Amino acid sequence: MRHDPIATGKRKSVNLSLDTGIVAAAREAGINLSQVSEVAIRAAAKRVQEEKWRDEHRDWIAANNSWIEENGLPLDRYRLA
């Protein structure tokens, strides 16, 4: 199992408003709304964190990519294939 830096392992009850048709369809299908919601929210939060990191480090990423374009990968000569 991978470490999830977002999850704490603790649970908190929250109110969530969903379309009644979606709730009915989920119940009919036997879908656990809490589990599905948690997975979707975790994925959305991770995506936002990654975008924020890329935005905050945009200059470093560009400089690094530029250096590699000019000089090549530092250990490229050791590649087997």
PDB file of N, CA and C in Angstrom:
ATOM      1  N   MET A   1       0.831  -1.176   0.000  1.00  0.00           N
ATOM      2  CA  MET A   1       0.000   0.000   0.000  1.00  0.00           C
ATOM      3  C   MET A   1       0.879   1.245   0.000  1.00  0.00           C
ATOM      4  N   ARG A   2       0.538   2.209  -0.835  1.00  0.00           N
ATOM      5  CA  ARG A   2       1.297   3.440  -0.929  1.00  0.00           C
ATOM      6  C   ARG A   2       0.910   4.410   0.177  1.00  0.00           C
ATOM      7  N   HIS A   3       1.864   5.233   0.543  1.00  0.00           N
ATOM      8  CA  HIS A   3       1.602   6.292   1.512  1.00  0.00           C
ATOM      9  C   HIS A   3       0.783   7.379   0.825  1.00  0.00           C
ATOM     10  N   ASP A   4      -0.283   7.799   1.456  1.00  0.00           N
ATOM     11  CA  ASP A   4      -1.125   8.868   0.926  1.00  0.00           C
ATOM     12  C   ASP A   4      -0.883  10.109   1.773  1.00  0.00           C
ATOM     13  N   PRO A   5      -0.162  11.110   1.234  1.00  0.00           N
ATOM     14  CA  PRO A   5       0.167  12.289   2.029  1.00  0.00           C
ATOM     15  C   PRO A   5      -1.045  13.147   2.390  1.00  0.00           C
ATOM     16  N   ILE A   6      -2.161  12.928   1.726  1.00  0.00           N
ATOM     17  CA  ILE A   6      -3.361  13.713   2.008  1.00  0.00           C
ATOM     18  C   ILE A   6      -4.163  13.083   3.146  1.00  0.00           C
ATOM     19  N   ALA A   7      -4.280  11.772   3.132  1.00  0.00           N
ATOM     20  CA  ALA A   7      -5.142  11.078   4.093  1.00  0.00           C
ATOM     21  C   ALA A   7      -4.532  11.044   5.490  1.00  0.00           C
ATOM     22  N   THR A   8      -5.388  11.139   6.503  1.00  0.00           N
ATOM     23  CA  THR A   8      -4.942  11.053   7.892  1.00  0.00           C
ATOM     24  C   THR A   8      -5.337   9.729   8.528  1.00  0.00           C
ATOM     25  N   GLY A   9      -6.286   9.048   7.922  1.00  0.00           N
ATOM     26  CA  GLY A   9      -6.795   7.810   8.496  1.00  0.00           C
ATOM     27  C   GLY A   9      -7.964   8.046   9.430  1.00  0.00           C
ATOM     28  N   LYS A  10      -8.197   9.304   9.784  1.00  0.00           N
ATOM     29  CA  LYS A  10      -9.317   9.654  10.648  1.00  0.00           C
ATOM     30  C   LYS A  10     -10.535   9.946   9.783  1.00  0.00           C
ATOM     31  N   ARG A  11     -11.709   9.832  10.363  1.00  0.00           N
ATOM     32  CA  ARG A  11     -12.948  10.091   9.642  1.00  0.00           C
ATOM     33  C   ARG A  11     -13.664  11.277  10.242  1.00  0.00           C
ATOM     34  N   LYS A  12     -14.344  12.050   9.398  1.00  0.00           N
ATOM     35  CA  LYS A  12     -15.148  13.179   9.834  1.00  0.00           C
ATOM     36  C   LYS A  12     -16.446  13.149   9.037  1.00  0.00           C
ATOM     37  N   SER A  13     -17.555  13.242   9.743  1.00  0.00           N
ATOM     38  CA  SER A  13     -18.854  13.315   9.085  1.00  0.00           C
ATOM     39  C   SER A  13     -19.025  14.706   8.493  1.00  0.00           C
ATOM     40  N   VAL A  14     -19.505  14.753   7.263  1.00  0.00           N
ATOM     41  CA  VAL A  14     -19.763  16.024   6.586  1.00  0.00           C
ATOM     42  C   VAL A  14     -21.117  15.957   5.898  1.00  0.00           C
ATOM     43  N   ASN A  15     -21.690  17.104   5.656  1.00  0.00           N
ATOM     44  CA  ASN A  15     -22.920  17.174   4.876  1.00  0.00           C
ATOM     45  C   ASN A  15     -22.545  17.366   3.421  1.00  0.00           C
ATOM     46  N   LEU A  16     -23.186  16.628   2.551  1.00  0.00           N
ATOM     47  CA  LEU A  16     -22.896  16.688   1.128  1.00  0.00           C
ATOM     48  C   LEU A  16     -24.213  16.681   0.381  1.00  0.00           C
ATOM     49  N   SER A  17     -24.428  17.660  -0.454  1.00  0.00           N
ATOM     50  CA  SER A  17     -25.661  17.716  -1.225  1.00  0.00           C
ATOM     51  C   SER A  17     -25.415  17.151  -2.612  1.00  0.00           C
ATOM     52  N   LEU A  18     -26.221  16.161  -2.990  1.00  0.00           N
ATOM     53  CA  LEU A  18     -26.099  15.524  -4.293  1.00  0.00           C
ATOM     54  C   LEU A  18     -27.461  15.480  -4.958  1.00  0.00           C
ATOM     55  N   ASP A  19     -27.444  15.458  -6.259  1.00  0.00           N
ATOM     56  CA  ASP A  19     -28.669  15.311  -7.028  1.00  0.00           C
ATOM     57  C   ASP A  19     -29.375  14.017  -6.617  1.00  0.00           C
ATOM     58  N   THR A  20     -30.679  14.084  -6.398  1.00  0.00           N
ATOM     59  CA  THR A  20     -31.425  12.919  -5.916  1.00  0.00           C
ATOM     60  C   THR A  20     -31.393  11.757  -6.902  1.00  0.00           C
ATOM     61  N   GLY A  21     -31.347  12.068  -8.178  1.00  0.00           N
ATOM     62  CA  GLY A  21     -31.257  11.002  -9.183  1.00  0.00           C
ATOM     63  C   GLY A  21     -29.945  10.246  -9.097  1.00  0.00           C
ATOM     64  N   ILE A  22     -28.883  10.983  -8.833  1.00  0.00           N
ATOM     65  CA  ILE A  22     -27.560  10.355  -8.693  1.00  0.00           C
ATOM     66  C   ILE A  22     -27.528   9.473  -7.453  1.00  0.00           C
ATOM     67  N   VAL A  23     -28.112   9.958  -6.363  1.00  0.00           N
ATOM     68  CA  VAL A  23     -28.153   9.178  -5.126  1.00  0.00           C
ATOM     69  C   VAL A  23     -28.956   7.903  -5.337  1.00  0.00           C
ATOM     70  N   ALA A  24     -30.103   8.015  -5.982  1.00  0.00           N
ATOM     71  CA  ALA A  24     -30.944   6.842  -6.223  1.00  0.00           C
ATOM     72  C   ALA A  24     -30.224   5.826  -7.103  1.00  0.00           C
ATOM     73  N   ALA A  25     -29.578   6.304  -8.162  1.00  0.00           N
ATOM     74  CA  ALA A  25     -28.856   5.400  -9.062  1.00  0.00           C
ATOM     75  C   ALA A  25     -27.703   4.720  -8.336  1.00  0.00           C
ATOM     76  N   ALA A  26     -27.009   5.463  -7.484  1.00  0.00           N
ATOM     77  CA  ALA A  26     -25.894   4.889  -6.738  1.00  0.00           C
ATOM     78  C   ALA A  26     -26.384   3.822  -5.769  1.00  0.00           C
ATOM     79  N   ARG A  27     -27.458   4.112  -5.067  1.00  0.00           N
ATOM     80  CA  ARG A  27     -27.998   3.121  -4.122  1.00  0.00           C
ATOM     81  C   ARG A  27     -28.454   1.870  -4.859  1.00  0.00           C
ATOM     82  N   GLU A  28     -29.123   2.069  -5.974  1.00  0.00           N
ATOM     83  CA  GLU A  28     -29.600   0.921  -6.762  1.00  0.00           C
ATOM     84  C   GLU A  28     -28.436   0.068  -7.246  1.00  0.00           C
ATOM     85  N   ALA A  29     -27.332   0.719  -7.560  1.00  0.00           N
ATOM     86  CA  ALA A  29     -26.151   0.000  -8.045  1.00  0.00           C
ATOM     87  C   ALA A  29     -25.288  -0.530  -6.903  1.00  0.00           C
ATOM     88  N   GLY A  30     -25.638  -0.196  -5.665  1.00  0.00           N
ATOM     89  CA  GLY A  30     -24.851  -0.660  -4.526  1.00  0.00           C
ATOM     90  C   GLY A  30     -23.549   0.092  -4.353  1.00  0.00           C
ATOM     91  N   ILE A  31     -23.509   1.314  -4.826  1.00  0.00           N
ATOM     92  CA  ILE A  31     -22.293   2.126  -4.745  1.00  0.00           C
ATOM     93  C   ILE A  31     -22.230   2.822  -3.391  1.00  0.00           C
ATOM     94  N   ASN A  32     -21.079   2.758  -2.748  1.00  0.00           N
ATOM     95  CA  ASN A  32     -20.858   3.433  -1.479  1.00  0.00           C
ATOM     96  C   ASN A  32     -20.479   4.883  -1.786  1.00  0.00           C
ATOM     97  N   LEU A  33     -21.411   5.796  -1.523  1.00  0.00           N
ATOM     98  CA  LEU A  33     -21.196   7.206  -1.845  1.00  0.00           C
ATOM     99  C   LEU A  33     -20.003   7.797  -1.096  1.00  0.00           C
ATOM    100  N   SER A  34     -19.807   7.393   0.143  1.00  0.00           N
ATOM    101  CA  SER A  34     -18.675   7.921   0.913  1.00  0.00           C
ATOM    102  C   SER A  34     -17.351   7.528   0.278  1.00  0.00           C
ATOM    103  N   GLN A  35     -17.219   6.276  -0.102  1.00  0.00           N
ATOM    104  CA  GLN A  35     -15.964   5.807  -0.700  1.00  0.00           C
ATOM    105  C   GLN A  35     -15.709   6.470  -2.042  1.00  0.00           C
ATOM    106  N   VAL A  36     -16.733   6.527  -2.880  1.00  0.00           N
ATOM    107  CA  VAL A  36     -16.571   7.131  -4.204  1.00  0.00           C
ATOM    108  C   VAL A  36     -16.250   8.619  -4.069  1.00  0.00           C
ATOM    109  N   SER A  37     -16.937   9.298  -3.166  1.00  0.00           N
ATOM    110  CA  SER A  37     -16.687  10.727  -2.958  1.00  0.00           C
ATOM    111  C   SER A  37     -15.263  10.957  -2.468  1.00  0.00           C
ATOM    112  N   GLU A  38     -14.818  10.135  -1.524  1.00  0.00           N
ATOM    113  CA  GLU A  38     -13.466  10.296  -0.982  1.00  0.00           C
ATOM    114  C   GLU A  38     -12.414  10.107  -2.065  1.00  0.00           C
ATOM    115  N   VAL A  39     -12.585   9.102  -2.894  1.00  0.00           N
ATOM    116  CA  VAL A  39     -11.625   8.854  -3.975  1.00  0.00           C
ATOM    117  C   VAL A  39     -11.595  10.037  -4.941  1.00  0.00           C
ATOM    118  N   ALA A  40     -12.774  10.534  -5.314  1.00  0.00           N
ATOM    119  CA  ALA A  40     -12.846  11.648  -6.263  1.00  0.00           C
ATOM    120  C   ALA A  40     -12.268  12.928  -5.670  1.00  0.00           C
ATOM    121  N   ILE A  41     -12.561  13.203  -4.396  1.00  0.00           N
ATOM    122  CA  ILE A  41     -12.040  14.412  -3.760  1.00  0.00           C
ATOM    123  C   ILE A  41     -10.535  14.317  -3.588  1.00  0.00           C
ATOM    124  N   ARG A  42     -10.030  13.141  -3.229  1.00  0.00           N
ATOM    125  CA  ARG A  42      -8.582  12.943  -3.103  1.00  0.00           C
ATOM    126  C   ARG A  42      -7.896  13.225  -4.441  1.00  0.00           C
ATOM    127  N   ALA A  43      -8.450  12.691  -5.522  1.00  0.00           N
ATOM    128  CA  ALA A  43      -7.861  12.887  -6.851  1.00  0.00           C
ATOM    129  C   ALA A  43      -7.887  14.364  -7.241  1.00  0.00           C
ATOM    130  N   ALA A  44      -8.997  15.047  -6.958  1.00  0.00           N
ATOM    131  CA  ALA A  44      -9.099  16.470  -7.289  1.00  0.00           C
ATOM    132  C   ALA A  44      -8.106  17.296  -6.475  1.00  0.00           C
ATOM    133  N   ALA A  45      -7.975  16.998  -5.183  1.00  0.00           N
ATOM    134  CA  ALA A  45      -7.042  17.727  -4.324  1.00  0.00           C
ATOM    135  C   ALA A  45      -5.601  17.500  -4.779  1.00  0.00           C
ATOM    136  N   LYS A  46      -5.281  16.274  -5.128  1.00  0.00           N
ATOM    137  CA  LYS A  46      -3.928  15.969  -5.594  1.00  0.00           C
ATOM    138  C   LYS A  46      -3.623  16.717  -6.894  1.00  0.00           C
ATOM    139  N   ARG A  47      -4.588  16.744  -7.801  1.00  0.00           N
ATOM    140  CA  ARG A  47      -4.414  17.442  -9.072  1.00  0.00           C
ATOM    141  C   ARG A  47      -4.159  18.939  -8.829  1.00  0.00           C
ATOM    142  N   VAL A  48      -4.920  19.545  -7.924  1.00  0.00           N
ATOM    143  CA  VAL A  48      -4.743  20.964  -7.616  1.00  0.00           C
ATOM    144  C   VAL A  48      -3.375  21.201  -6.975  1.00  0.00           C
ATOM    145  N   GLN A  49      -2.959  20.332  -6.050  1.00  0.00           N
ATOM    146  CA  GLN A  49      -1.640  20.477  -5.425  1.00  0.00           C
ATOM    147  C   GLN A  49      -0.523  20.380  -6.456  1.00  0.00           C
ATOM    148  N   GLU A  50      -0.650  19.441  -7.395  1.00  0.00           N
ATOM    149  CA  GLU A  50       0.372  19.283  -8.430  1.00  0.00           C
ATOM    150  C   GLU A  50       0.428  20.504  -9.341  1.00  0.00           C
ATOM    151  N   GLU A  51      -0.727  21.035  -9.713  1.00  0.00           N
ATOM    152  CA  GLU A  51      -0.767  22.240 -10.547  1.00  0.00           C
ATOM    153  C   GLU A  51      -0.129  23.419  -9.814  1.00  0.00           C
ATOM    154  N   LYS A  52      -0.433  23.554  -8.514  1.00  0.00           N
ATOM    155  CA  LYS A  52       0.143  24.630  -7.709  1.00  0.00           C
ATOM    156  C   LYS A  52       1.661  24.492  -7.645  1.00  0.00           C
ATOM    157  N   TRP A  53       2.166  23.259  -7.462  1.00  0.00           N
ATOM    158  CA  TRP A  53       3.607  23.028  -7.402  1.00  0.00           C
ATOM    159  C   TRP A  53       4.260  23.417  -8.724  1.00  0.00           C
ATOM    160  N   ARG A  54       3.634  22.987  -9.843  1.00  0.00           N
ATOM    161  CA  ARG A  54       4.190  23.335 -11.156  1.00  0.00           C
ATOM    162  C   ARG A  54       4.211  24.851 -11.363  1.00  0.00           C
ATOM    163  N   ASP A  55       3.146  25.537 -10.948  1.00  0.00           N
ATOM    164  CA  ASP A  55       3.105  26.994 -11.082  1.00  0.00           C
ATOM    165  C   ASP A  55       4.184  27.657 -10.235  1.00  0.00           C
ATOM    166  N   GLU A  56       4.361  27.191  -9.004  1.00  0.00           N
ATOM    167  CA  GLU A  56       5.359  27.772  -8.104  1.00  0.00           C
ATOM    168  C   GLU A  56       6.790  27.509  -8.566  1.00  0.00           C
ATOM    169  N   HIS A  57       6.998  26.428  -9.307  1.00  0.00           N
ATOM    170  CA  HIS A  57       8.345  26.043  -9.733  1.00  0.00           C
ATOM    171  C   HIS A  57       8.550  26.189 -11.235  1.00  0.00           C
ATOM    172  N   ARG A  58       7.674  26.946 -11.883  1.00  0.00           N
ATOM    173  CA  ARG A  58       7.719  27.109 -13.341  1.00  0.00           C
ATOM    174  C   ARG A  58       9.087  27.605 -13.820  1.00  0.00           C
ATOM    175  N   ASP A  59       9.660  28.602 -13.151  1.00  0.00           N
ATOM    176  CA  ASP A  59      10.952  29.150 -13.568  1.00  0.00           C
ATOM    177  C   ASP A  59      12.063  28.111 -13.450  1.00  0.00           C
ATOM    178  N   TRP A  60      12.081  27.363 -12.352  1.00  0.00           N
ATOM    179  CA  TRP A  60      13.107  26.340 -12.176  1.00  0.00           C
ATOM    180  C   TRP A  60      12.964  25.249 -13.239  1.00  0.00           C
ATOM    181  N   ILE A  61      11.743  24.832 -13.507  1.00  0.00           N
ATOM    182  CA  ILE A  61      11.500  23.790 -14.514  1.00  0.00           C
ATOM    183  C   ILE A  61      11.995  24.254 -15.880  1.00  0.00           C
ATOM    184  N   ALA A  62      11.676  25.490 -16.242  1.00  0.00           N
ATOM    185  CA  ALA A  62      12.110  26.031 -17.539  1.00  0.00           C
ATOM    186  C   ALA A  62      13.629  26.108 -17.614  1.00  0.00           C
ATOM    187  N   ALA A  63      14.266  26.580 -16.536  1.00  0.00           N
ATOM    188  CA  ALA A  63      15.729  26.678 -16.521  1.00  0.00           C
ATOM    189  C   ALA A  63      16.369  25.298 -16.611  1.00  0.00           C
ATOM    190  N   ASN A  64      15.816  24.341 -15.909  1.00  0.00           N
ATOM    191  CA  ASN A  64      16.345  22.982 -15.938  1.00  0.00           C
ATOM    192  C   ASN A  64      16.206  22.377 -17.338  1.00  0.00           C
ATOM    193  N   ASN A  65      15.033  22.537 -17.940  1.00  0.00           N
ATOM    194  CA  ASN A  65      14.820  22.013 -19.287  1.00  0.00           C
ATOM    195  C   ASN A  65      15.752  22.679 -20.290  1.00  0.00           C
ATOM    196  N   SER A  66      15.972  23.979 -20.138  1.00  0.00           N
ATOM    197  CA  SER A  66      16.877  24.699 -21.026  1.00  0.00           C
ATOM    198  C   SER A  66      18.307  24.175 -20.882  1.00  0.00           C
ATOM    199  N   TRP A  67      18.740  23.956 -19.637  1.00  0.00           N
ATOM    200  CA  TRP A  67      20.085  23.447 -19.401  1.00  0.00           C
ATOM    201  C   TRP A  67      20.263  22.073 -20.047  1.00  0.00           C
ATOM    202  N   ILE A  68      19.253  21.224 -19.917  1.00  0.00           N
ATOM    203  CA  ILE A  68      19.332  19.881 -20.494  1.00  0.00           C
ATOM    204  C   ILE A  68      19.366  19.954 -22.017  1.00  0.00           C
ATOM    205  N   GLU A  69      18.589  20.861 -22.602  1.00  0.00           N
ATOM    206  CA  GLU A  69      18.616  21.020 -24.055  1.00  0.00           C
ATOM    207  C   GLU A  69      20.008  21.436 -24.534  1.00  0.00           C
ATOM    208  N   GLU A  70      20.667  22.321 -23.784  1.00  0.00           N
ATOM    209  CA  GLU A  70      21.991  22.802 -24.165  1.00  0.00           C
ATOM    210  C   GLU A  70      23.095  21.792 -23.874  1.00  0.00           C
ATOM    211  N   ASN A  71      22.984  21.064 -22.768  1.00  0.00           N
ATOM    212  CA  ASN A  71      24.084  20.214 -22.301  1.00  0.00           C
ATOM    213  C   ASN A  71      23.808  18.714 -22.373  1.00  0.00           C
ATOM    214  N   GLY A  72      22.559  18.337 -22.575  1.00  0.00           N
ATOM    215  CA  GLY A  72      22.198  16.922 -22.552  1.00  0.00           C
ATOM    216  C   GLY A  72      22.022  16.440 -21.118  1.00  0.00           C
ATOM    217  N   LEU A  73      21.590  15.214 -20.989  1.00  0.00           N
ATOM    218  CA  LEU A  73      21.404  14.638 -19.651  1.00  0.00           C
ATOM    219  C   LEU A  73      22.766  14.356 -19.020  1.00  0.00           C
ATOM    220  N   PRO A  74      22.949  14.696 -17.760  1.00  0.00           N
ATOM    221  CA  PRO A  74      24.257  14.564 -17.115  1.00  0.00           C
ATOM    222  C   PRO A  74      24.850  13.148 -17.168  1.00  0.00           C
ATOM    223  N   LEU A  75      24.048  12.122 -17.049  1.00  0.00           N
ATOM    224  CA  LEU A  75      24.577  10.757 -17.012  1.00  0.00           C
ATOM    225  C   LEU A  75      24.225   9.977 -18.293  1.00  0.00           C
ATOM    226  N   ASP A  76      23.915  10.688 -19.347  1.00  0.00           N
ATOM    227  CA  ASP A  76      23.471  10.056 -20.586  1.00  0.00           C
ATOM    228  C   ASP A  76      24.500   9.067 -21.138  1.00  0.00           C
ATOM    229  N   ARG A  77      25.783   9.359 -20.961  1.00  0.00           N
ATOM    230  CA  ARG A  77      26.826   8.473 -21.511  1.00  0.00           C
ATOM    231  C   ARG A  77      26.841   7.096 -20.858  1.00  0.00           C
ATOM    232  N   TYR A  78      26.182   6.950 -19.694  1.00  0.00           N
ATOM    233  CA  TYR A  78      26.156   5.682 -18.996  1.00  0.00           C
ATOM    234  C   TYR A  78      24.932   4.836 -19.345  1.00  0.00           C
ATOM    235  N   ARG A  79      24.053   5.339 -20.182  1.00  0.00           N
ATOM    236  CA  ARG A  79      22.860   4.575 -20.571  1.00  0.00           C
ATOM    237  C   ARG A  79      23.255   3.336 -21.363  1.00  0.00           C
ATOM    238  N   LEU A  80      22.545   2.259 -21.134  1.00  0.00           N
ATOM    239  CA  LEU A  80      22.832   1.011 -21.821  1.00  0.00           C
ATOM    240  C   LEU A  80      22.196   0.961 -23.207  1.00  0.00           C
ATOM    241  N   ALA A  81      21.059   1.597 -23.333  1.00  0.00           N
ATOM    242  CA  ALA A  81      20.384   1.545 -24.630  1.00  0.00           C
ATOM    243  C   ALA A  81      19.871   2.889 -25.024  1.00  0.00           C
TER     244      ALA A  81
END
